[in-house]
Amino acid sequence: MNPDITRILSAIENGDTKAADDLLPVVYDELRRLAASRMNQEKPGHTLQPTALVHEAFLRLVGGSRPQQWDGRGHFFAAAAEAMRRILIENARRKSRDKRGGDWVRQEMDDGLVAVAPDNIDDLLSLDDALTKLADEDPELAKLVELRYFTGMTIEETAEILGVSPRTTKRNWAYARAWLQREMDR
């Protein structure tokens, strides 16, 4: 844990434009680890790389013209998880459009044949729909799913960010997975 994160986030909130430059080196390794963990769960042939995911998420978090309001490290990483989720969903939707090839199979010239499975895109979009419904019913459970699924955080890391015990996080994670599975099976 780096206590500088909270200080830098506070400076960004107060309008210090240089503070955003200071933030990336402090959070980059952790965001990169989380993005790589999430990207390892994707099917081969995914065109978005962990580095690109981190940079896009970071730009969305601190690159806007109006200063963000951060309630500390946990809030920042929760927002990063949501940004990564949105980026992955947008990427999946873009891939599924007919004008972008829809069900076509992608061929990589360097690495041989790598298929992008359209059913994986459908699963991701179905998960997004179910997660949106869960957020309407229980925003905290939806945040838990974003942190665990889209960033690959451990139970302990997620518990710390959410400010609850690992036992509660584990119980809520089991419930959220069951709820989402039931919703996706409909």
N, C-alpha and C. Protein backbone atom coordinates (compact mmCIF):
# COMPACT_ATOMS: atom_id res chain seq x y z
N MET A 1 0.84 -1.18 0.00
CA MET A 1 0.00 0.00 0.00
C MET A 1 0.88 1.24 0.00
N ASN A 2 0.49 2.20 -0.72
CA ASN A 2 1.27 3.41 -0.82
C ASN A 2 0.45 4.59 -0.31
N PRO A 3 0.87 5.19 0.82
CA PRO A 3 0.10 6.31 1.36
C PRO A 3 0.10 7.54 0.45
N ASP A 4 1.03 7.59 -0.51
CA ASP A 4 1.08 8.72 -1.44
C ASP A 4 -0.15 8.77 -2.34
N ILE A 5 -0.78 7.63 -2.56
CA ILE A 5 -1.93 7.58 -3.46
C ILE A 5 -3.02 8.52 -2.97
N THR A 6 -3.36 8.44 -1.69
CA THR A 6 -4.42 9.28 -1.13
C THR A 6 -4.04 10.75 -1.24
N ARG A 7 -2.78 11.08 -0.96
CA ARG A 7 -2.31 12.46 -1.05
C ARG A 7 -2.41 12.98 -2.49
N ILE A 8 -1.99 12.16 -3.45
CA ILE A 8 -2.03 12.56 -4.86
C ILE A 8 -3.48 12.70 -5.33
N LEU A 9 -4.34 11.77 -4.93
CA LEU A 9 -5.76 11.85 -5.31
C LEU A 9 -6.39 13.11 -4.76
N SER A 10 -6.01 13.47 -3.55
CA SER A 10 -6.52 14.70 -2.95
C SER A 10 -6.05 15.92 -3.74
N ALA A 11 -4.80 15.90 -4.19
CA ALA A 11 -4.27 17.01 -4.99
C ALA A 11 -5.01 17.12 -6.33
N ILE A 12 -5.31 15.98 -6.94
CA ILE A 12 -6.06 15.98 -8.21
C ILE A 12 -7.44 16.59 -7.97
N GLU A 13 -8.07 16.18 -6.89
CA GLU A 13 -9.40 16.69 -6.54
C GLU A 13 -9.38 18.21 -6.36
N ASN A 14 -8.26 18.73 -5.84
CA ASN A 14 -8.14 20.17 -5.62
C ASN A 14 -7.68 20.93 -6.85
N GLY A 15 -7.59 20.22 -8.00
CA GLY A 15 -7.28 20.91 -9.25
C GLY A 15 -5.83 20.96 -9.63
N ASP A 16 -4.95 20.27 -8.94
CA ASP A 16 -3.53 20.25 -9.27
C ASP A 16 -3.32 19.40 -10.52
N THR A 17 -3.05 20.04 -11.65
CA THR A 17 -2.93 19.32 -12.91
C THR A 17 -1.67 18.45 -12.97
N LYS A 18 -0.62 18.80 -12.25
CA LYS A 18 0.60 18.00 -12.24
C LYS A 18 0.42 16.72 -11.44
N ALA A 19 -0.52 16.70 -10.52
CA ALA A 19 -0.71 15.53 -9.66
C ALA A 19 -1.09 14.29 -10.46
N ALA A 20 -1.82 14.43 -11.55
CA ALA A 20 -2.18 13.27 -12.38
C ALA A 20 -0.92 12.62 -12.95
N ASP A 21 0.09 13.44 -13.28
CA ASP A 21 1.36 12.89 -13.77
C ASP A 21 2.06 12.11 -12.67
N ASP A 22 1.90 12.54 -11.43
CA ASP A 22 2.53 11.86 -10.30
C ASP A 22 1.81 10.55 -9.95
N LEU A 23 0.52 10.47 -10.26
CA LEU A 23 -0.28 9.32 -9.87
C LEU A 23 0.06 8.06 -10.67
N LEU A 24 0.22 8.19 -11.98
CA LEU A 24 0.43 7.01 -12.81
C LEU A 24 1.61 6.15 -12.35
N PRO A 25 2.79 6.71 -12.09
CA PRO A 25 3.88 5.83 -11.65
C PRO A 25 3.59 5.11 -10.33
N VAL A 26 2.78 5.72 -9.48
CA VAL A 26 2.48 5.13 -8.17
C VAL A 26 1.49 3.97 -8.29
N VAL A 27 0.52 4.09 -9.20
CA VAL A 27 -0.53 3.06 -9.31
C VAL A 27 -0.33 2.13 -10.51
N TYR A 28 0.62 2.45 -11.39
CA TYR A 28 0.74 1.72 -12.65
C TYR A 28 0.96 0.22 -12.44
N ASP A 29 1.90 -0.17 -11.59
CA ASP A 29 2.20 -1.59 -11.42
C ASP A 29 0.98 -2.37 -10.93
N GLU A 30 0.24 -1.80 -9.99
CA GLU A 30 -0.93 -2.50 -9.48
C GLU A 30 -2.03 -2.57 -10.53
N LEU A 31 -2.26 -1.47 -11.26
CA LEU A 31 -3.26 -1.50 -12.33
C LEU A 31 -2.84 -2.48 -13.43
N ARG A 32 -1.59 -2.50 -13.77
CA ARG A 32 -1.08 -3.41 -14.81
C ARG A 32 -1.25 -4.86 -14.39
N ARG A 33 -0.98 -5.16 -13.12
CA ARG A 33 -1.16 -6.51 -12.60
C ARG A 33 -2.62 -6.92 -12.67
N LEU A 34 -3.50 -6.01 -12.29
CA LEU A 34 -4.93 -6.30 -12.31
C LEU A 34 -5.42 -6.50 -13.75
N ALA A 35 -4.96 -5.66 -14.66
CA ALA A 35 -5.36 -5.78 -16.07
C ALA A 35 -4.83 -7.08 -16.67
N ALA A 36 -3.59 -7.41 -16.37
CA ALA A 36 -3.01 -8.66 -16.90
C ALA A 36 -3.77 -9.86 -16.38
N SER A 37 -4.14 -9.82 -15.11
CA SER A 37 -4.92 -10.91 -14.53
C SER A 37 -6.25 -11.07 -15.26
N ARG A 38 -6.89 -9.97 -15.52
CA ARG A 38 -8.18 -10.01 -16.21
C ARG A 38 -8.02 -10.47 -17.66
N MET A 39 -6.98 -9.99 -18.32
CA MET A 39 -6.78 -10.34 -19.72
C MET A 39 -6.39 -11.81 -19.89
N ASN A 40 -5.77 -12.41 -18.89
CA ASN A 40 -5.43 -13.83 -18.95
C ASN A 40 -6.68 -14.71 -18.98
N GLN A 41 -7.81 -14.16 -18.53
CA GLN A 41 -9.06 -14.91 -18.53
C GLN A 41 -9.77 -14.81 -19.88
N GLU A 42 -9.30 -13.94 -20.76
CA GLU A 42 -9.91 -13.78 -22.07
C GLU A 42 -9.43 -14.88 -23.01
N LYS A 43 -10.22 -15.13 -24.04
CA LYS A 43 -9.84 -16.13 -25.05
C LYS A 43 -8.65 -15.62 -25.85
N PRO A 44 -7.83 -16.52 -26.41
CA PRO A 44 -6.73 -16.09 -27.27
C PRO A 44 -7.25 -15.28 -28.44
N GLY A 45 -6.45 -14.35 -28.89
CA GLY A 45 -6.84 -13.53 -30.03
C GLY A 45 -7.46 -12.21 -29.62
N HIS A 46 -7.58 -11.97 -28.33
CA HIS A 46 -8.14 -10.71 -27.86
C HIS A 46 -7.21 -9.60 -28.30
N THR A 47 -7.75 -8.56 -28.92
CA THR A 47 -6.91 -7.52 -29.50
C THR A 47 -6.47 -6.47 -28.49
N LEU A 48 -7.11 -6.40 -27.35
CA LEU A 48 -6.77 -5.41 -26.34
C LEU A 48 -5.70 -5.98 -25.41
N GLN A 49 -4.61 -5.27 -25.26
CA GLN A 49 -3.51 -5.70 -24.41
C GLN A 49 -3.64 -5.07 -23.02
N PRO A 50 -3.08 -5.73 -21.98
CA PRO A 50 -3.18 -5.17 -20.62
C PRO A 50 -2.67 -3.74 -20.51
N THR A 51 -1.57 -3.44 -21.18
CA THR A 51 -1.02 -2.09 -21.11
C THR A 51 -2.00 -1.08 -21.69
N ALA A 52 -2.61 -1.42 -22.81
CA ALA A 52 -3.60 -0.52 -23.43
C ALA A 52 -4.81 -0.37 -22.51
N LEU A 53 -5.23 -1.46 -21.87
CA LEU A 53 -6.36 -1.41 -20.95
C LEU A 53 -6.06 -0.48 -19.77
N VAL A 54 -4.86 -0.58 -19.21
CA VAL A 54 -4.47 0.29 -18.10
C VAL A 54 -4.46 1.74 -18.53
N HIS A 55 -3.85 2.02 -19.67
CA HIS A 55 -3.74 3.41 -20.12
C HIS A 55 -5.10 4.01 -20.44
N GLU A 56 -5.96 3.23 -21.10
CA GLU A 56 -7.30 3.73 -21.42
C GLU A 56 -8.09 3.98 -20.13
N ALA A 57 -8.01 3.05 -19.18
CA ALA A 57 -8.73 3.22 -17.91
C ALA A 57 -8.19 4.44 -17.17
N PHE A 58 -6.88 4.60 -17.14
CA PHE A 58 -6.27 5.73 -16.43
C PHE A 58 -6.71 7.05 -17.05
N LEU A 59 -6.72 7.11 -18.38
CA LEU A 59 -7.16 8.34 -19.05
C LEU A 59 -8.61 8.67 -18.72
N ARG A 60 -9.43 7.65 -18.64
CA ARG A 60 -10.83 7.89 -18.29
C ARG A 60 -10.97 8.37 -16.85
N LEU A 61 -10.08 7.93 -15.98
CA LEU A 61 -10.17 8.29 -14.57
C LEU A 61 -9.66 9.69 -14.28
N VAL A 62 -8.55 10.08 -14.90
CA VAL A 62 -7.94 11.37 -14.55
C VAL A 62 -7.70 12.27 -15.75
N GLY A 63 -8.09 11.83 -16.94
CA GLY A 63 -7.79 12.60 -18.14
C GLY A 63 -8.84 13.63 -18.53
N GLY A 64 -9.94 13.67 -17.81
CA GLY A 64 -11.02 14.60 -18.16
C GLY A 64 -10.68 16.03 -17.80
N SER A 65 -11.50 16.93 -18.29
CA SER A 65 -11.26 18.35 -18.04
C SER A 65 -11.74 18.78 -16.65
N ARG A 66 -12.67 17.99 -16.09
CA ARG A 66 -13.12 18.39 -14.75
C ARG A 66 -12.51 17.46 -13.70
N PRO A 67 -12.08 18.01 -12.57
CA PRO A 67 -11.44 17.21 -11.54
C PRO A 67 -12.38 16.16 -10.95
N GLN A 68 -11.84 14.97 -10.70
CA GLN A 68 -12.60 13.88 -10.10
C GLN A 68 -12.62 14.02 -8.59
N GLN A 69 -13.64 13.41 -7.99
CA GLN A 69 -13.74 13.38 -6.53
C GLN A 69 -13.39 11.96 -6.07
N TRP A 70 -12.27 11.80 -5.37
CA TRP A 70 -11.84 10.48 -4.91
C TRP A 70 -11.92 10.44 -3.39
N ASP A 71 -12.51 9.37 -2.87
CA ASP A 71 -12.55 9.16 -1.42
C ASP A 71 -11.46 8.20 -0.99
N GLY A 72 -10.30 8.35 -1.57
CA GLY A 72 -9.16 7.54 -1.18
C GLY A 72 -8.84 6.44 -2.19
N ARG A 73 -7.90 5.61 -1.79
CA ARG A 73 -7.36 4.54 -2.62
C ARG A 73 -8.44 3.55 -3.06
N GLY A 74 -9.29 3.13 -2.13
CA GLY A 74 -10.32 2.15 -2.43
C GLY A 74 -11.28 2.65 -3.50
N HIS A 75 -11.69 3.91 -3.39
CA HIS A 75 -12.60 4.50 -4.36
C HIS A 75 -11.93 4.56 -5.73
N PHE A 76 -10.66 4.93 -5.76
CA PHE A 76 -9.93 5.01 -7.03
C PHE A 76 -9.88 3.65 -7.72
N PHE A 77 -9.50 2.59 -6.96
CA PHE A 77 -9.38 1.28 -7.58
C PHE A 77 -10.75 0.69 -7.94
N ALA A 78 -11.78 1.03 -7.21
CA ALA A 78 -13.13 0.61 -7.59
C ALA A 78 -13.52 1.29 -8.90
N ALA A 79 -13.19 2.56 -9.04
CA ALA A 79 -13.47 3.28 -10.29
C ALA A 79 -12.63 2.70 -11.43
N ALA A 80 -11.40 2.29 -11.13
CA ALA A 80 -10.55 1.68 -12.16
C ALA A 80 -11.15 0.36 -12.63
N ALA A 81 -11.69 -0.42 -11.69
CA ALA A 81 -12.34 -1.69 -12.05
C ALA A 81 -13.54 -1.43 -12.96
N GLU A 82 -14.33 -0.43 -12.62
CA GLU A 82 -15.48 -0.10 -13.45
C GLU A 82 -15.04 0.38 -14.83
N ALA A 83 -13.99 1.20 -14.88
CA ALA A 83 -13.49 1.69 -16.17
C ALA A 83 -13.00 0.52 -17.03
N MET A 84 -12.28 -0.42 -16.43
CA MET A 84 -11.81 -1.58 -17.18
C MET A 84 -12.98 -2.40 -17.70
N ARG A 85 -14.00 -2.56 -16.86
CA ARG A 85 -15.20 -3.29 -17.29
C ARG A 85 -15.82 -2.62 -18.50
N ARG A 86 -16.00 -1.32 -18.43
CA ARG A 86 -16.62 -0.59 -19.54
C ARG A 86 -15.80 -0.70 -20.82
N ILE A 87 -14.50 -0.63 -20.69
CA ILE A 87 -13.63 -0.73 -21.86
C ILE A 87 -13.75 -2.10 -22.49
N LEU A 88 -13.74 -3.16 -21.67
CA LEU A 88 -13.87 -4.52 -22.20
C LEU A 88 -15.23 -4.74 -22.85
N ILE A 89 -16.28 -4.19 -22.25
CA ILE A 89 -17.62 -4.32 -22.81
C ILE A 89 -17.70 -3.57 -24.15
N GLU A 90 -17.19 -2.35 -24.18
CA GLU A 90 -17.19 -1.58 -25.43
C GLU A 90 -16.42 -2.31 -26.52
N ASN A 91 -15.30 -2.90 -26.15
CA ASN A 91 -14.49 -3.65 -27.10
C ASN A 91 -15.26 -4.86 -27.62
N ALA A 92 -15.97 -5.56 -26.73
CA ALA A 92 -16.76 -6.73 -27.13
C ALA A 92 -17.90 -6.31 -28.06
N ARG A 93 -18.56 -5.23 -27.73
CA ARG A 93 -19.66 -4.75 -28.58
C ARG A 93 -19.15 -4.34 -29.96
N ARG A 94 -18.01 -3.67 -29.97
CA ARG A 94 -17.43 -3.23 -31.23
C ARG A 94 -17.09 -4.45 -32.11
N LYS A 95 -16.58 -5.51 -31.48
CA LYS A 95 -16.22 -6.71 -32.22
C LYS A 95 -17.45 -7.43 -32.76
N SER A 96 -18.55 -7.33 -32.05
CA SER A 96 -19.73 -8.09 -32.45
C SER A 96 -20.53 -7.41 -33.57
N ARG A 97 -20.24 -6.19 -33.87
CA ARG A 97 -20.96 -5.49 -34.93
C ARG A 97 -20.65 -6.10 -36.29
N ASP A 98 -21.67 -6.22 -37.10
CA ASP A 98 -21.49 -6.79 -38.43
C ASP A 98 -20.50 -5.99 -39.27
N LYS A 99 -20.52 -4.67 -39.14
CA LYS A 99 -19.63 -3.86 -39.97
C LYS A 99 -18.17 -4.06 -39.59
N ARG A 100 -17.94 -4.63 -38.41
CA ARG A 100 -16.57 -4.91 -37.98
C ARG A 100 -16.21 -6.38 -38.16
N GLY A 101 -17.08 -7.12 -38.83
CA GLY A 101 -16.77 -8.52 -39.08
C GLY A 101 -17.64 -9.47 -38.30
N GLY A 102 -18.33 -9.00 -37.25
CA GLY A 102 -19.26 -9.83 -36.49
C GLY A 102 -18.69 -11.18 -36.12
N ASP A 103 -19.11 -12.24 -36.83
CA ASP A 103 -18.71 -13.61 -36.51
C ASP A 103 -17.45 -14.07 -37.24
N TRP A 104 -16.78 -13.19 -37.91
CA TRP A 104 -15.59 -13.58 -38.65
C TRP A 104 -14.51 -14.08 -37.70
N VAL A 105 -13.64 -14.88 -38.23
CA VAL A 105 -12.51 -15.40 -37.47
C VAL A 105 -11.29 -14.57 -37.81
N ARG A 106 -10.58 -14.14 -36.79
CA ARG A 106 -9.40 -13.30 -36.98
C ARG A 106 -8.19 -14.17 -37.24
N GLN A 107 -7.35 -13.78 -38.19
CA GLN A 107 -6.11 -14.49 -38.48
C GLN A 107 -4.94 -13.57 -38.19
N GLU A 108 -4.05 -14.04 -37.35
CA GLU A 108 -2.82 -13.31 -37.04
C GLU A 108 -1.74 -13.83 -37.98
N MET A 109 -1.06 -12.95 -38.66
CA MET A 109 -0.04 -13.36 -39.61
C MET A 109 1.19 -13.95 -38.90
N ASP A 110 1.54 -13.41 -37.75
CA ASP A 110 2.75 -13.84 -37.06
C ASP A 110 2.57 -15.17 -36.34
N ASP A 111 1.45 -15.32 -35.64
CA ASP A 111 1.29 -16.43 -34.72
C ASP A 111 0.42 -17.56 -35.26
N GLY A 112 0.10 -17.56 -36.51
CA GLY A 112 -0.77 -18.59 -37.05
C GLY A 112 -2.22 -18.23 -36.84
N LEU A 113 -3.10 -19.23 -36.81
CA LEU A 113 -4.53 -19.01 -36.71
C LEU A 113 -4.95 -18.86 -35.26
N VAL A 114 -5.57 -17.73 -34.95
CA VAL A 114 -6.11 -17.47 -33.62
C VAL A 114 -7.55 -17.05 -33.80
N ALA A 115 -8.47 -17.76 -33.17
CA ALA A 115 -9.89 -17.47 -33.35
C ALA A 115 -10.42 -16.60 -32.22
N VAL A 116 -11.25 -15.66 -32.58
CA VAL A 116 -12.00 -14.89 -31.60
C VAL A 116 -13.37 -15.55 -31.55
N ALA A 117 -13.69 -16.17 -30.44
CA ALA A 117 -14.95 -16.90 -30.32
C ALA A 117 -16.10 -15.93 -30.09
N PRO A 118 -17.07 -15.87 -31.02
CA PRO A 118 -18.19 -14.96 -30.84
C PRO A 118 -19.01 -15.29 -29.61
N ASP A 119 -19.04 -16.57 -29.19
CA ASP A 119 -19.83 -16.92 -28.01
C ASP A 119 -19.21 -16.31 -26.75
N ASN A 120 -17.93 -16.08 -26.73
CA ASN A 120 -17.30 -15.42 -25.58
C ASN A 120 -17.78 -13.97 -25.50
N ILE A 121 -17.92 -13.32 -26.64
CA ILE A 121 -18.42 -11.94 -26.68
C ILE A 121 -19.85 -11.92 -26.16
N ASP A 122 -20.65 -12.89 -26.61
CA ASP A 122 -22.04 -12.97 -26.13
C ASP A 122 -22.09 -13.17 -24.62
N ASP A 123 -21.20 -14.02 -24.10
CA ASP A 123 -21.16 -14.24 -22.65
C ASP A 123 -20.80 -12.96 -21.91
N LEU A 124 -19.84 -12.22 -22.45
CA LEU A 124 -19.42 -10.97 -21.82
C LEU A 124 -20.55 -9.95 -21.83
N LEU A 125 -21.26 -9.86 -22.95
CA LEU A 125 -22.38 -8.93 -23.03
C LEU A 125 -23.53 -9.36 -22.12
N SER A 126 -23.76 -10.67 -22.02
CA SER A 126 -24.79 -11.19 -21.12
C SER A 126 -24.42 -10.90 -19.67
N LEU A 127 -23.13 -11.06 -19.35
CA LEU A 127 -22.67 -10.74 -18.00
C LEU A 127 -22.87 -9.26 -17.71
N ASP A 128 -22.59 -8.41 -18.67
CA ASP A 128 -22.77 -6.98 -18.47
C ASP A 128 -24.23 -6.64 -18.20
N ASP A 129 -25.14 -7.24 -18.96
CA ASP A 129 -26.57 -7.01 -18.71
C ASP A 129 -26.98 -7.46 -17.32
N ALA A 130 -26.52 -8.65 -16.93
CA ALA A 130 -26.86 -9.17 -15.61
C ALA A 130 -26.24 -8.30 -14.51
N LEU A 131 -25.01 -7.84 -14.73
CA LEU A 131 -24.34 -7.01 -13.74
C LEU A 131 -25.03 -5.66 -13.59
N THR A 132 -25.56 -5.14 -14.67
CA THR A 132 -26.32 -3.88 -14.61
C THR A 132 -27.58 -4.08 -13.78
N LYS A 133 -28.26 -5.21 -13.95
CA LYS A 133 -29.44 -5.51 -13.13
C LYS A 133 -29.06 -5.67 -11.67
N LEU A 134 -27.94 -6.34 -11.41
CA LEU A 134 -27.48 -6.51 -10.03
C LEU A 134 -27.15 -5.16 -9.40
N ALA A 135 -26.56 -4.26 -10.17
CA ALA A 135 -26.23 -2.93 -9.65
C ALA A 135 -27.48 -2.16 -9.25
N ASP A 136 -28.59 -2.39 -9.97
CA ASP A 136 -29.85 -1.75 -9.60
C ASP A 136 -30.37 -2.29 -8.27
N GLU A 137 -30.18 -3.59 -8.04
CA GLU A 137 -30.67 -4.21 -6.81
C GLU A 137 -29.71 -4.05 -5.64
N ASP A 138 -28.41 -4.20 -5.91
CA ASP A 138 -27.42 -4.14 -4.84
C ASP A 138 -26.10 -3.60 -5.39
N PRO A 139 -25.90 -2.29 -5.35
CA PRO A 139 -24.68 -1.69 -5.92
C PRO A 139 -23.38 -2.23 -5.31
N GLU A 140 -23.40 -2.56 -4.03
CA GLU A 140 -22.18 -3.07 -3.39
C GLU A 140 -21.79 -4.43 -3.96
N LEU A 141 -22.77 -5.30 -4.20
CA LEU A 141 -22.47 -6.60 -4.81
C LEU A 141 -21.94 -6.42 -6.22
N ALA A 142 -22.50 -5.48 -6.96
CA ALA A 142 -22.01 -5.22 -8.32
C ALA A 142 -20.57 -4.71 -8.28
N LYS A 143 -20.25 -3.87 -7.32
CA LYS A 143 -18.88 -3.37 -7.19
C LYS A 143 -17.93 -4.52 -6.85
N LEU A 144 -18.38 -5.43 -5.99
CA LEU A 144 -17.59 -6.61 -5.64
C LEU A 144 -17.28 -7.43 -6.90
N VAL A 145 -18.29 -7.66 -7.73
CA VAL A 145 -18.08 -8.44 -8.96
C VAL A 145 -17.11 -7.72 -9.89
N GLU A 146 -17.25 -6.41 -10.03
CA GLU A 146 -16.32 -5.66 -10.88
C GLU A 146 -14.89 -5.81 -10.40
N LEU A 147 -14.70 -5.69 -9.09
CA LEU A 147 -13.34 -5.80 -8.55
C LEU A 147 -12.77 -7.20 -8.73
N ARG A 148 -13.58 -8.22 -8.47
CA ARG A 148 -13.08 -9.60 -8.56
C ARG A 148 -12.95 -10.05 -10.02
N TYR A 149 -13.98 -9.83 -10.82
CA TYR A 149 -13.99 -10.38 -12.17
C TYR A 149 -13.20 -9.54 -13.17
N PHE A 150 -13.40 -8.24 -13.14
CA PHE A 150 -12.79 -7.41 -14.18
C PHE A 150 -11.37 -6.97 -13.85
N THR A 151 -10.95 -7.05 -12.59
CA THR A 151 -9.56 -6.73 -12.28
C THR A 151 -8.80 -7.90 -11.70
N GLY A 152 -9.51 -8.96 -11.32
CA GLY A 152 -8.85 -10.15 -10.82
C GLY A 152 -8.31 -10.01 -9.41
N MET A 153 -8.84 -9.08 -8.65
CA MET A 153 -8.37 -8.90 -7.27
C MET A 153 -8.72 -10.12 -6.43
N THR A 154 -7.90 -10.38 -5.43
CA THR A 154 -8.16 -11.48 -4.51
C THR A 154 -9.28 -11.10 -3.55
N ILE A 155 -9.76 -12.08 -2.80
CA ILE A 155 -10.78 -11.83 -1.78
C ILE A 155 -10.26 -10.79 -0.79
N GLU A 156 -9.02 -10.94 -0.36
CA GLU A 156 -8.44 -10.03 0.64
C GLU A 156 -8.32 -8.61 0.10
N GLU A 157 -7.83 -8.47 -1.13
CA GLU A 157 -7.71 -7.14 -1.73
C GLU A 157 -9.07 -6.48 -1.89
N THR A 158 -10.03 -7.27 -2.34
CA THR A 158 -11.39 -6.75 -2.53
C THR A 158 -12.00 -6.34 -1.21
N ALA A 159 -11.81 -7.16 -0.18
CA ALA A 159 -12.35 -6.85 1.15
C ALA A 159 -11.77 -5.54 1.66
N GLU A 160 -10.49 -5.34 1.46
CA GLU A 160 -9.85 -4.11 1.92
C GLU A 160 -10.43 -2.88 1.22
N ILE A 161 -10.59 -2.97 -0.09
CA ILE A 161 -11.12 -1.84 -0.84
C ILE A 161 -12.57 -1.55 -0.47
N LEU A 162 -13.36 -2.62 -0.26
CA LEU A 162 -14.77 -2.43 0.09
C LEU A 162 -14.97 -2.11 1.56
N GLY A 163 -13.93 -2.30 2.37
CA GLY A 163 -14.03 -1.98 3.79
C GLY A 163 -14.86 -2.99 4.57
N VAL A 164 -14.81 -4.26 4.15
CA VAL A 164 -15.51 -5.33 4.87
C VAL A 164 -14.52 -6.46 5.12
N SER A 165 -14.95 -7.45 5.90
CA SER A 165 -14.06 -8.57 6.21
C SER A 165 -13.93 -9.51 5.02
N PRO A 166 -12.81 -10.23 4.94
CA PRO A 166 -12.66 -11.22 3.87
C PRO A 166 -13.78 -12.29 3.91
N ARG A 167 -14.22 -12.64 5.10
CA ARG A 167 -15.29 -13.63 5.23
C ARG A 167 -16.59 -13.12 4.59
N THR A 168 -16.93 -11.87 4.86
CA THR A 168 -18.12 -11.26 4.26
C THR A 168 -17.95 -11.18 2.75
N THR A 169 -16.77 -10.80 2.29
CA THR A 169 -16.50 -10.71 0.86
C THR A 169 -16.65 -12.06 0.19
N LYS A 170 -16.13 -13.10 0.82
CA LYS A 170 -16.23 -14.45 0.25
C LYS A 170 -17.69 -14.89 0.15
N ARG A 171 -18.45 -14.63 1.21
CA ARG A 171 -19.88 -15.00 1.22
C ARG A 171 -20.64 -14.21 0.13
N ASN A 172 -20.38 -12.91 0.06
CA ASN A 172 -21.05 -12.08 -0.94
C ASN A 172 -20.64 -12.47 -2.36
N TRP A 173 -19.39 -12.86 -2.54
CA TRP A 173 -18.89 -13.29 -3.85
C TRP A 173 -19.64 -14.54 -4.31
N ALA A 174 -19.82 -15.50 -3.40
CA ALA A 174 -20.54 -16.72 -3.75
C ALA A 174 -21.99 -16.40 -4.12
N TYR A 175 -22.62 -15.52 -3.36
CA TYR A 175 -24.00 -15.14 -3.65
C TYR A 175 -24.10 -14.40 -4.99
N ALA A 176 -23.20 -13.45 -5.21
CA ALA A 176 -23.23 -12.67 -6.46
C ALA A 176 -23.02 -13.56 -7.68
N ARG A 177 -22.09 -14.51 -7.58
CA ARG A 177 -21.86 -15.43 -8.71
C ARG A 177 -23.11 -16.25 -9.00
N ALA A 178 -23.75 -16.76 -7.95
CA ALA A 178 -24.98 -17.55 -8.14
C ALA A 178 -26.09 -16.69 -8.74
N TRP A 179 -26.23 -15.47 -8.24
CA TRP A 179 -27.26 -14.56 -8.73
C TRP A 179 -27.03 -14.27 -10.21
N LEU A 180 -25.78 -13.95 -10.57
CA LEU A 180 -25.46 -13.64 -11.96
C LEU A 180 -25.66 -14.85 -12.87
N GLN A 181 -25.27 -16.03 -12.39
CA GLN A 181 -25.44 -17.24 -13.20
C GLN A 181 -26.92 -17.50 -13.47
N ARG A 182 -27.74 -17.34 -12.44
CA ARG A 182 -29.18 -17.54 -12.61
C ARG A 182 -29.73 -16.52 -13.60
N GLU A 183 -29.30 -15.29 -13.49
CA GLU A 183 -29.79 -14.23 -14.38
C GLU A 183 -29.33 -14.48 -15.82
N MET A 184 -28.10 -14.94 -15.99
CA MET A 184 -27.56 -15.19 -17.34
C MET A 184 -28.20 -16.43 -17.98
N ASP A 185 -28.64 -17.38 -17.17
CA ASP A 185 -29.27 -18.60 -17.69
C ASP A 185 -30.68 -18.34 -18.21
N ARG A 186 -31.28 -17.22 -17.82
CA ARG A 186 -32.66 -16.92 -18.25
C ARG A 186 -32.74 -16.65 -19.71
